[in-house]
């Protein structure tokens, strides 16, 4: 006698998924969640895990679909709202993410996890002072909170407070290697703002904690060159890339003729020579400096 297969136990499924997600075994958790959702399509915890894993692996559109379904079922879902803030951050909507964190903290004013997440958002927006304030506030409610301590360590390195911050960051990264992701995001944010010295300090400390990492070794070398004093004349090209190069030549074309009329042919030739030397310097010096440093 045959009968319909009994659906799997939901508590058992959730327990297995949770254990895999805790150990960052997302590829193993994904098919388990997909199978479970066929039996329990409206389970909020499964939808949350589906969204979280897709977000963690960079599949933002899929993460958004699962999250929308979750928030339709429960617009006030705590984990869903956190996931919404993370997705908005990944999509560079920092203002939208901040609104979500503020709303969550309004409902949960003593939640250190929320202070840590919100502080990390401010850190990656290079609002260092506010990041420190938020993380410090979180430590009032949970003095050993790992995420808040991590944000403070990163912020202090950006500020140049090396001794205690280096030790704290190194210890936290060794204990929680998954924290490399926000450290990388901060390095990228510092680079985008032209703050190469801070990015160099940060990369040095992360490399000390993970000395075999080729990515962070590359970052150290890149930012060491970018922050060297001899690169100062090339700062606009480092910061704005091809846009600065195009502006450089357009400016030259516009000022050369009127300058030669005002200052004379000799002065115009001197300007042309200086201009060409800067162009050669921008092509030749950076690769040479990489070999020297």
C-alpha atoms as a PDB file:
ATOM      1  CA  UNK A   1       0.000   0.000   0.000  1.00  0.00           C
ATOM      2  CA  UNK A   2       1.428   3.332  -1.025  1.00  0.00           C
ATOM      3  CA  UNK A   3       0.663   6.733   0.432  1.00  0.00           C
ATOM      4  CA  UNK A   4       1.628  10.341   0.029  1.00  0.00           C
ATOM      5  CA  UNK A   5       5.128  11.144   1.303  1.00  0.00           C
ATOM      6  CA  UNK A   6       5.118  12.798   4.689  1.00  0.00           C
ATOM      7  CA  UNK A   7       6.458  16.376   4.554  1.00  0.00           C
ATOM      8  CA  UNK A   8       9.714  16.951   6.425  1.00  0.00           C
ATOM      9  CA  UNK A   9       9.688  18.283   9.959  1.00  0.00           C
ATOM     10  CA  UNK A  10       9.877  22.095   9.894  1.00  0.00           C
ATOM     11  CA  UNK A  11      11.770  22.433  13.207  1.00  0.00           C
ATOM     12  CA  UNK A  12      14.357  19.902  11.997  1.00  0.00           C
ATOM     13  CA  UNK A  13      14.764  21.738   8.692  1.00  0.00           C
ATOM     14  CA  UNK A  14      15.186  25.104  10.399  1.00  0.00           C
ATOM     15  CA  UNK A  15      17.724  23.639  12.793  1.00  0.00           C
ATOM     16  CA  UNK A  16      19.801  22.188   9.960  1.00  0.00           C
ATOM     17  CA  UNK A  17      19.633  25.395   7.916  1.00  0.00           C
ATOM     18  CA  UNK A  18      20.582  27.511  10.910  1.00  0.00           C
ATOM     19  CA  UNK A  19      23.601  25.306  11.663  1.00  0.00           C
ATOM     20  CA  UNK A  20      24.824  25.563   8.051  1.00  0.00           C
ATOM     21  CA  UNK A  21      24.327  29.334   7.872  1.00  0.00           C
ATOM     22  CA  UNK A  22      26.162  29.799  11.181  1.00  0.00           C
ATOM     23  CA  UNK A  23      29.174  28.001   9.667  1.00  0.00           C
ATOM     24  CA  UNK A  24      28.904  29.982   6.392  1.00  0.00           C
ATOM     25  CA  UNK A  25      28.126  26.815   4.435  1.00  0.00           C
ATOM     26  CA  UNK A  26      25.796  28.630   2.099  1.00  0.00           C
ATOM     27  CA  UNK A  27      26.128  26.245  -0.852  1.00  0.00           C
ATOM     28  CA  UNK A  28      24.928  23.394   1.358  1.00  0.00           C
ATOM     29  CA  UNK A  29      22.125  25.428   2.898  1.00  0.00           C
ATOM     30  CA  UNK A  30      20.749  26.746  -0.405  1.00  0.00           C
ATOM     31  CA  UNK A  31      19.260  23.482  -1.811  1.00  0.00           C
ATOM     32  CA  UNK A  32      17.938  22.573   1.621  1.00  0.00           C
ATOM     33  CA  UNK A  33      16.083  25.902   1.817  1.00  0.00           C
ATOM     34  CA  UNK A  34      14.770  25.580  -1.745  1.00  0.00           C
ATOM     35  CA  UNK A  35      13.373  22.124  -0.976  1.00  0.00           C
ATOM     36  CA  UNK A  36      11.898  23.281   2.328  1.00  0.00           C
ATOM     37  CA  UNK A  37      10.157  26.240   0.679  1.00  0.00           C
ATOM     38  CA  UNK A  38       8.331  23.837  -1.635  1.00  0.00           C
ATOM     39  CA  UNK A  39       6.676  22.402   1.464  1.00  0.00           C
ATOM     40  CA  UNK A  40       6.469  25.613   3.484  1.00  0.00           C
ATOM     41  CA  UNK A  41       6.356  28.501   0.939  1.00  0.00           C
ATOM     42  CA  UNK A  42       5.215  31.095   3.482  1.00  0.00           C
ATOM     43  CA  UNK A  43       7.566  30.255   6.307  1.00  0.00           C
ATOM     44  CA  UNK A  44       9.124  33.541   7.374  1.00  0.00           C
ATOM     45  CA  UNK A  45      12.341  32.079   8.755  1.00  0.00           C
ATOM     46  CA  UNK A  46      13.038  30.116   5.570  1.00  0.00           C
ATOM     47  CA  UNK A  47      12.403  33.224   3.471  1.00  0.00           C
ATOM     48  CA  UNK A  48      14.762  35.186   5.689  1.00  0.00           C
ATOM     49  CA  UNK A  49      17.527  32.597   5.295  1.00  0.00           C
ATOM     50  CA  UNK A  50      16.963  32.496   1.518  1.00  0.00           C
ATOM     51  CA  UNK A  51      17.314  36.263   1.289  1.00  0.00           C
ATOM     52  CA  UNK A  52      20.328  36.343   3.608  1.00  0.00           C
ATOM     53  CA  UNK A  53      22.259  33.685   1.668  1.00  0.00           C
ATOM     54  CA  UNK A  54      21.565  35.323  -1.691  1.00  0.00           C
ATOM     55  CA  UNK A  55      22.675  38.684  -0.274  1.00  0.00           C
ATOM     56  CA  UNK A  56      25.829  37.168   1.249  1.00  0.00           C
ATOM     57  CA  UNK A  57      26.741  35.622  -2.124  1.00  0.00           C
ATOM     58  CA  UNK A  58      26.001  38.788  -4.091  1.00  0.00           C
ATOM     59  CA  UNK A  59      22.747  37.628  -5.724  1.00  0.00           C
ATOM     60  CA  UNK A  60      20.917  40.848  -4.885  1.00  0.00           C
ATOM     61  CA  UNK A  61      17.918  40.435  -7.190  1.00  0.00           C
ATOM     62  CA  UNK A  62      17.127  36.981  -5.804  1.00  0.00           C
ATOM     63  CA  UNK A  63      17.659  38.244  -2.269  1.00  0.00           C
ATOM     64  CA  UNK A  64      15.235  41.073  -2.970  1.00  0.00           C
ATOM     65  CA  UNK A  65      12.524  38.701  -4.212  1.00  0.00           C
ATOM     66  CA  UNK A  66      12.655  36.537  -1.080  1.00  0.00           C
ATOM     67  CA  UNK A  67      12.742  39.621   1.128  1.00  0.00           C
ATOM     68  CA  UNK A  68       9.708  41.179  -0.559  1.00  0.00           C
ATOM     69  CA  UNK A  69       7.744  37.993   0.053  1.00  0.00           C
ATOM     70  CA  UNK A  70       8.835  37.967   3.702  1.00  0.00           C
ATOM     71  CA  UNK A  71       7.916  41.614   4.334  1.00  0.00           C
ATOM     72  CA  UNK A  72       4.536  41.135   2.649  1.00  0.00           C
ATOM     73  CA  UNK A  73       3.819  38.431   5.215  1.00  0.00           C
ATOM     74  CA  UNK A  74       5.164  40.510   8.116  1.00  0.00           C
ATOM     75  CA  UNK A  75       6.215  44.124   7.435  1.00  0.00           C
ATOM     76  CA  UNK A  76       7.667  44.418  10.960  1.00  0.00           C
ATOM     77  CA  UNK A  77       9.762  41.241  10.806  1.00  0.00           C
ATOM     78  CA  UNK A  78      12.949  42.058  12.748  1.00  0.00           C
ATOM     79  CA  UNK A  79      15.350  40.029  10.620  1.00  0.00           C
ATOM     80  CA  UNK A  80      13.592  41.103   7.439  1.00  0.00           C
ATOM     81  CA  UNK A  81      14.045  44.766   8.263  1.00  0.00           C
ATOM     82  CA  UNK A  82      17.742  44.179   9.001  1.00  0.00           C
ATOM     83  CA  UNK A  83      18.035  42.377   5.689  1.00  0.00           C
ATOM     84  CA  UNK A  84      16.318  45.304   3.945  1.00  0.00           C
ATOM     85  CA  UNK A  85      18.936  47.700   5.348  1.00  0.00           C
ATOM     86  CA  UNK A  86      21.733  45.406   4.171  1.00  0.00           C
ATOM     87  CA  UNK A  87      20.265  45.157   0.681  1.00  0.00           C
ATOM     88  CA  UNK A  88      19.844  48.922   0.448  1.00  0.00           C
ATOM     89  CA  UNK A  89      23.478  49.334   1.489  1.00  0.00           C
ATOM     90  CA  UNK A  90      24.601  46.853  -1.164  1.00  0.00           C
ATOM     91  CA  UNK A  91      22.666  48.867  -3.738  1.00  0.00           C
ATOM     92  CA  UNK A  92      24.417  52.071  -2.545  1.00  0.00           C
ATOM     93  CA  UNK A  93      21.204  53.523  -1.115  1.00  0.00           C
ATOM     94  CA  UNK A  94      22.842  54.677   2.109  1.00  0.00           C
ATOM     95  CA  UNK A  95      20.083  57.144   2.988  1.00  0.00           C
ATOM     96  CA  UNK A  96      17.447  54.424   2.653  1.00  0.00           C
ATOM     97  CA  UNK A  97      19.495  52.016   4.757  1.00  0.00           C
ATOM     98  CA  UNK A  98      19.980  54.669   7.437  1.00  0.00           C
ATOM     99  CA  UNK A  99      16.219  55.219   7.659  1.00  0.00           C
ATOM    100  CA  UNK A 100      15.717  51.498   8.264  1.00  0.00           C
ATOM    101  CA  UNK A 101      18.378  51.388  11.021  1.00  0.00           C
ATOM    102  CA  UNK A 102      16.885  54.456  12.708  1.00  0.00           C
ATOM    103  CA  UNK A 103      13.435  52.826  12.641  1.00  0.00           C
ATOM    104  CA  UNK A 104      14.803  49.591  14.086  1.00  0.00           C
ATOM    105  CA  UNK A 105      16.627  51.428  16.880  1.00  0.00           C
ATOM    106  CA  UNK A 106      13.490  53.386  17.682  1.00  0.00           C
ATOM    107  CA  UNK A 107      11.710  50.079  18.298  1.00  0.00           C
ATOM    108  CA  UNK A 108      14.737  48.400  19.938  1.00  0.00           C
ATOM    109  CA  UNK A 109      16.742  51.186  21.633  1.00  0.00           C
ATOM    110  CA  UNK A 110      18.976  48.853  23.669  1.00  0.00           C
ATOM    111  CA  UNK A 111      19.921  46.397  20.903  1.00  0.00           C
ATOM    112  CA  UNK A 112      23.732  46.352  20.528  1.00  0.00           C
ATOM    113  CA  UNK A 113      23.477  44.402  17.255  1.00  0.00           C
ATOM    114  CA  UNK A 114      21.618  47.301  15.649  1.00  0.00           C
ATOM    115  CA  UNK A 115      24.142  49.848  16.887  1.00  0.00           C
ATOM    116  CA  UNK A 116      26.946  47.751  15.390  1.00  0.00           C
ATOM    117  CA  UNK A 117      25.222  47.456  12.005  1.00  0.00           C
ATOM    118  CA  UNK A 118      24.288  51.152  11.864  1.00  0.00           C
ATOM    119  CA  UNK A 119      27.816  52.131  12.962  1.00  0.00           C
ATOM    120  CA  UNK A 120      29.298  50.040  10.144  1.00  0.00           C
ATOM    121  CA  UNK A 121      27.083  51.868   7.637  1.00  0.00           C
ATOM    122  CA  UNK A 122      28.385  55.213   8.922  1.00  0.00           C
ATOM    123  CA  UNK A 123      31.945  53.909   8.838  1.00  0.00           C
ATOM    124  CA  UNK A 124      31.697  52.920   5.181  1.00  0.00           C
ATOM    125  CA  UNK A 125      30.172  56.319   4.399  1.00  0.00           C
ATOM    126  CA  UNK A 126      33.362  57.768   6.014  1.00  0.00           C
ATOM    127  CA  UNK A 127      31.330  59.413   8.770  1.00  0.00           C
ATOM    128  CA  UNK A 128      33.880  58.213  11.288  1.00  0.00           C
ATOM    129  CA  UNK A 129      32.806  60.293  14.279  1.00  0.00           C
ATOM    130  CA  UNK A 130      29.190  59.121  14.041  1.00  0.00           C
ATOM    131  CA  UNK A 131      30.341  55.513  13.614  1.00  0.00           C
ATOM    132  CA  UNK A 132      32.361  55.772  16.832  1.00  0.00           C
ATOM    133  CA  UNK A 133      29.441  57.331  18.690  1.00  0.00           C
ATOM    134  CA  UNK A 134      27.034  54.588  17.597  1.00  0.00           C
ATOM    135  CA  UNK A 135      29.429  51.736  18.346  1.00  0.00           C
ATOM    136  CA  UNK A 136      30.265  53.218  21.749  1.00  0.00           C
ATOM    137  CA  UNK A 137      26.550  53.495  22.493  1.00  0.00           C
ATOM    138  CA  UNK A 138      26.125  49.817  21.638  1.00  0.00           C
ATOM    139  CA  UNK A 139      28.876  48.871  24.078  1.00  0.00           C
ATOM    140  CA  UNK A 140      26.909  50.525  26.874  1.00  0.00           C
ATOM    141  CA  UNK A 141      24.302  47.794  26.496  1.00  0.00           C
ATOM    142  CA  UNK A 142      26.713  44.946  25.704  1.00  0.00           C
ATOM    143  CA  UNK A 143      30.295  45.817  26.724  1.00  0.00           C
ATOM    144  CA  UNK A 144      31.936  42.927  24.853  1.00  0.00           C
ATOM    145  CA  UNK A 145      29.867  43.218  21.690  1.00  0.00           C
ATOM    146  CA  UNK A 146      32.137  41.994  18.902  1.00  0.00           C
ATOM    147  CA  UNK A 147      30.660  44.038  16.053  1.00  0.00           C
ATOM    148  CA  UNK A 148      30.775  47.332  17.967  1.00  0.00           C
ATOM    149  CA  UNK A 149      34.359  46.653  19.072  1.00  0.00           C
ATOM    150  CA  UNK A 150      35.284  45.872  15.473  1.00  0.00           C
ATOM    151  CA  UNK A 151      33.839  49.153  14.168  1.00  0.00           C
ATOM    152  CA  UNK A 152      35.697  51.093  16.868  1.00  0.00           C
ATOM    153  CA  UNK A 153      38.977  49.359  15.963  1.00  0.00           C
ATOM    154  CA  UNK A 154      38.523  50.200  12.262  1.00  0.00           C
ATOM    155  CA  UNK A 155      37.543  53.792  13.027  1.00  0.00           C
ATOM    156  CA  UNK A 156      40.560  54.308  15.287  1.00  0.00           C
ATOM    157  CA  UNK A 157      42.905  53.045  12.574  1.00  0.00           C
ATOM    158  CA  UNK A 158      41.378  55.507  10.106  1.00  0.00           C
ATOM    159  CA  UNK A 159      41.922  58.237  12.703  1.00  0.00           C
ATOM    160  CA  UNK A 160      45.552  57.153  13.101  1.00  0.00           C
ATOM    161  CA  UNK A 161      45.229  55.763  16.636  1.00  0.00           C
ATOM    162  CA  UNK A 162      47.375  52.758  15.848  1.00  0.00           C
ATOM    163  CA  UNK A 163      48.599  50.987  19.009  1.00  0.00           C
ATOM    164  CA  UNK A 164      45.406  49.786  20.710  1.00  0.00           C
ATOM    165  CA  UNK A 165      43.419  49.721  17.481  1.00  0.00           C
ATOM    166  CA  UNK A 166      45.939  47.475  15.702  1.00  0.00           C
ATOM    167  CA  UNK A 167      45.892  44.915  18.485  1.00  0.00           C
ATOM    168  CA  UNK A 168      42.092  44.961  18.731  1.00  0.00           C
ATOM    169  CA  UNK A 169      41.555  44.646  14.983  1.00  0.00           C
ATOM    170  CA  UNK A 170      44.109  41.866  14.594  1.00  0.00           C
ATOM    171  CA  UNK A 171      42.512  39.856  17.376  1.00  0.00           C
ATOM    172  CA  UNK A 172      38.985  40.345  16.036  1.00  0.00           C
ATOM    173  CA  UNK A 173      39.914  39.412  12.471  1.00  0.00           C
ATOM    174  CA  UNK A 174      41.640  36.225  13.602  1.00  0.00           C
ATOM    175  CA  UNK A 175      38.604  35.231  15.643  1.00  0.00           C
ATOM    176  CA  UNK A 176      36.062  36.341  13.016  1.00  0.00           C
ATOM    177  CA  UNK A 177      37.541  36.150   9.492  1.00  0.00           C
ATOM    178  CA  UNK A 178      34.110  36.907   8.009  1.00  0.00           C
ATOM    179  CA  UNK A 179      34.740  40.490   9.127  1.00  0.00           C
ATOM    180  CA  UNK A 180      37.093  40.902   6.164  1.00  0.00           C
ATOM    181  CA  UNK A 181      34.097  41.890   4.043  1.00  0.00           C
ATOM    182  CA  UNK A 182      33.324  45.190   5.842  1.00  0.00           C
ATOM    183  CA  UNK A 183      37.055  45.918   6.115  1.00  0.00           C
ATOM    184  CA  UNK A 184      37.312  45.618   2.339  1.00  0.00           C
ATOM    185  CA  UNK A 185      34.249  47.849   1.895  1.00  0.00           C
ATOM    186  CA  UNK A 186      35.889  50.472   4.095  1.00  0.00           C
ATOM    187  CA  UNK A 187      39.137  50.297   2.107  1.00  0.00           C
ATOM    188  CA  UNK A 188      37.173  50.826  -1.114  1.00  0.00           C
ATOM    189  CA  UNK A 189      35.292  53.755   0.437  1.00  0.00           C
ATOM    190  CA  UNK A 190      38.538  55.369   1.590  1.00  0.00           C
ATOM    191  CA  UNK A 191      40.019  54.896  -1.875  1.00  0.00           C
ATOM    192  CA  UNK A 192      36.992  56.508  -3.505  1.00  0.00           C
ATOM    193  CA  UNK A 193      37.492  59.552  -1.275  1.00  0.00           C
ATOM    194  CA  UNK A 194      41.201  59.764  -2.080  1.00  0.00           C
ATOM    195  CA  UNK A 195      42.169  58.926   1.507  1.00  0.00           C
ATOM    196  CA  UNK A 196      45.050  56.661   0.571  1.00  0.00           C
ATOM    197  CA  UNK A 197      47.039  56.937   3.803  1.00  0.00           C
ATOM    198  CA  UNK A 198      44.102  55.690   5.873  1.00  0.00           C
ATOM    199  CA  UNK A 199      43.451  52.895   3.345  1.00  0.00           C
ATOM    200  CA  UNK A 200      47.139  51.945   3.559  1.00  0.00           C
ATOM    201  CA  UNK A 201      47.064  51.788   7.379  1.00  0.00           C
ATOM    202  CA  UNK A 202      43.926  49.664   7.299  1.00  0.00           C
ATOM    203  CA  UNK A 203      45.319  47.288   4.666  1.00  0.00           C
ATOM    204  CA  UNK A 204      48.563  46.857   6.612  1.00  0.00           C
ATOM    205  CA  UNK A 205      46.711  45.769   9.725  1.00  0.00           C
ATOM    206  CA  UNK A 206      44.373  43.388   7.892  1.00  0.00           C
ATOM    207  CA  UNK A 207      47.394  41.809   6.173  1.00  0.00           C
ATOM    208  CA  UNK A 208      49.054  41.285   9.563  1.00  0.00           C
ATOM    209  CA  UNK A 209      46.004  39.303  10.644  1.00  0.00           C
ATOM    210  CA  UNK A 210      45.867  37.402   7.309  1.00  0.00           C
ATOM    211  CA  UNK A 211      49.466  37.347   5.999  1.00  0.00           C
ATOM    212  CA  UNK A 212      48.722  34.809   3.246  1.00  0.00           C
ATOM    213  CA  UNK A 213      45.955  36.870   1.631  1.00  0.00           C
ATOM    214  CA  UNK A 214      46.942  37.878  -1.952  1.00  0.00           C
ATOM    215  CA  UNK A 215      44.102  40.439  -2.089  1.00  0.00           C
ATOM    216  CA  UNK A 216      45.281  42.339   0.979  1.00  0.00           C
ATOM    217  CA  UNK A 217      48.917  42.084  -0.094  1.00  0.00           C
ATOM    218  CA  UNK A 218      47.868  43.733  -3.353  1.00  0.00           C
ATOM    219  CA  UNK A 219      45.964  46.408  -1.409  1.00  0.00           C
ATOM    220  CA  UNK A 220      48.993  47.176   0.764  1.00  0.00           C
ATOM    221  CA  UNK A 221      51.226  47.595  -2.265  1.00  0.00           C
ATOM    222  CA  UNK A 222      48.684  49.672  -4.165  1.00  0.00           C
ATOM    223  CA  UNK A 223      47.922  52.045  -1.290  1.00  0.00           C
ATOM    224  CA  UNK A 224      51.576  52.338  -0.306  1.00  0.00           C
ATOM    225  CA  UNK A 225      52.310  53.702  -3.779  1.00  0.00           C
ATOM    226  CA  UNK A 226      49.176  55.865  -3.882  1.00  0.00           C
ATOM    227  CA  UNK A 227      49.950  57.482  -0.509  1.00  0.00           C
ATOM    228  CA  UNK A 228      53.644  58.203  -1.261  1.00  0.00           C
ATOM    229  CA  UNK A 229      54.557  61.912  -1.206  1.00  0.00           C
ATOM    230  CA  UNK A 230      55.912  61.752  -4.762  1.00  0.00           C
ATOM    231  CA  UNK A 231      52.439  60.881  -6.060  1.00  0.00           C
ATOM    232  CA  UNK A 232      50.940  64.158  -4.853  1.00  0.00           C
ATOM    233  CA  UNK A 233      51.188  65.861  -8.298  1.00  0.00           C
ATOM    234  CA  UNK A 234      49.176  62.968  -9.723  1.00  0.00           C
ATOM    235  CA  UNK A 235      46.428  63.082  -7.100  1.00  0.00           C
ATOM    236  CA  UNK A 236      43.677  64.267  -9.510  1.00  0.00           C
ATOM    237  CA  UNK A 237      44.451  61.378 -11.871  1.00  0.00           C
ATOM    238  CA  UNK A 238      44.383  58.868  -9.014  1.00  0.00           C
ATOM    239  CA  UNK A 239      41.144  60.244  -7.641  1.00  0.00           C
ATOM    240  CA  UNK A 240      39.151  60.860 -10.834  1.00  0.00           C
ATOM    241  CA  UNK A 241      40.926  58.646 -13.381  1.00  0.00           C
ATOM    242  CA  UNK A 242      40.095  59.208 -17.048  1.00  0.00           C
ATOM    243  CA  UNK A 243      37.835  62.108 -16.177  1.00  0.00           C
ATOM    244  CA  UNK A 244      40.824  64.000 -14.784  1.00  0.00           C
ATOM    245  CA  UNK A 245      42.952  63.073 -17.800  1.00  0.00           C
ATOM    246  CA  UNK A 246      40.363  64.364 -20.261  1.00  0.00           C
ATOM    247  CA  UNK A 247      39.903  67.557 -18.235  1.00  0.00           C
ATOM    248  CA  UNK A 248      43.696  67.940 -18.163  1.00  0.00           C
ATOM    249  CA  UNK A 249      43.982  67.961 -21.967  1.00  0.00           C
ATOM    250  CA  UNK A 250      40.858  70.065 -22.529  1.00  0.00           C
ATOM    251  CA  UNK A 251      42.195  72.671 -20.089  1.00  0.00           C
ATOM    252  CA  UNK A 252      45.553  72.671 -21.836  1.00  0.00           C
ATOM    253  CA  UNK A 253      43.950  73.160 -25.251  1.00  0.00           C
ATOM    254  CA  UNK A 254      41.875  76.095 -24.004  1.00  0.00           C
ATOM    255  CA  UNK A 255      44.585  77.984 -22.110  1.00  0.00           C
ATOM    256  CA  UNK A 256      47.567  77.480 -24.427  1.00  0.00           C
ATOM    257  CA  UNK A 257      46.601  79.965 -27.165  1.00  0.00           C
ATOM    258  CA  UNK A 258      45.510  82.846 -24.885  1.00  0.00           C
ATOM    259  CA  UNK A 259      48.496  82.239 -22.590  1.00  0.00           C
ATOM    260  CA  UNK A 260      50.968  82.555 -25.484  1.00  0.00           C
ATOM    261  CA  UNK A 261      49.366  85.859 -26.517  1.00  0.00           C
ATOM    262  CA  UNK A 262      49.478  87.290 -22.990  1.00  0.00           C
ATOM    263  CA  UNK A 263      52.823  85.948 -21.737  1.00  0.00           C
ATOM    264  CA  UNK A 264      54.672  85.569 -25.016  1.00  0.00           C
ATOM    265  CA  UNK A 265      55.973  82.665 -27.070  1.00  0.00           C
ATOM    266  CA  UNK A 266      58.863  81.887 -24.696  1.00  0.00           C
ATOM    267  CA  UNK A 267      56.617  81.547 -21.661  1.00  0.00           C
ATOM    268  CA  UNK A 268      54.241  79.384 -23.687  1.00  0.00           C
ATOM    269  CA  UNK A 269      57.079  77.026 -24.569  1.00  0.00           C
ATOM    270  CA  UNK A 270      58.064  76.768 -20.895  1.00  0.00           C
ATOM    271  CA  UNK A 271      54.450  75.943 -20.010  1.00  0.00           C
ATOM    272  CA  UNK A 272      54.334  73.335 -22.765  1.00  0.00           C
ATOM    273  CA  UNK A 273      57.530  71.698 -21.481  1.00  0.00           C
ATOM    274  CA  UNK A 274      56.186  71.612 -17.899  1.00  0.00           C
ATOM    275  CA  UNK A 275      52.924  70.150 -19.191  1.00  0.00           C
ATOM    276  CA  UNK A 276      54.703  67.437 -21.165  1.00  0.00           C
ATOM    277  CA  UNK A 277      56.979  66.608 -18.221  1.00  0.00           C
ATOM    278  CA  UNK A 278      53.911  66.098 -16.038  1.00  0.00           C
ATOM    279  CA  UNK A 279      52.423  63.779 -18.669  1.00  0.00           C
ATOM    280  CA  UNK A 280      55.649  61.733 -18.846  1.00  0.00           C
ATOM    281  CA  UNK A 281      55.854  61.730 -15.046  1.00  0.00           C
ATOM    282  CA  UNK A 282      52.315  60.332 -14.813  1.00  0.00           C
ATOM    283  CA  UNK A 283      53.198  57.486 -17.213  1.00  0.00           C
ATOM    284  CA  UNK A 284      56.685  56.604 -16.016  1.00  0.00           C
ATOM    285  CA  UNK A 285      56.875  57.271 -12.280  1.00  0.00           C
ATOM    286  CA  UNK A 286      54.038  55.115 -10.790  1.00  0.00           C
ATOM    287  CA  UNK A 287      55.360  51.783 -12.208  1.00  0.00           C
ATOM    288  CA  UNK A 288      58.899  52.709 -11.160  1.00  0.00           C
ATOM    289  CA  UNK A 289      57.725  53.581  -7.658  1.00  0.00           C
ATOM    290  CA  UNK A 290      56.014  50.178  -7.345  1.00  0.00           C
ATOM    291  CA  UNK A 291      59.408  48.534  -7.980  1.00  0.00           C
ATOM    292  CA  UNK A 292      61.198  50.742  -5.433  1.00  0.00           C
ATOM    293  CA  UNK A 293      58.713  50.384  -2.562  1.00  0.00           C
END
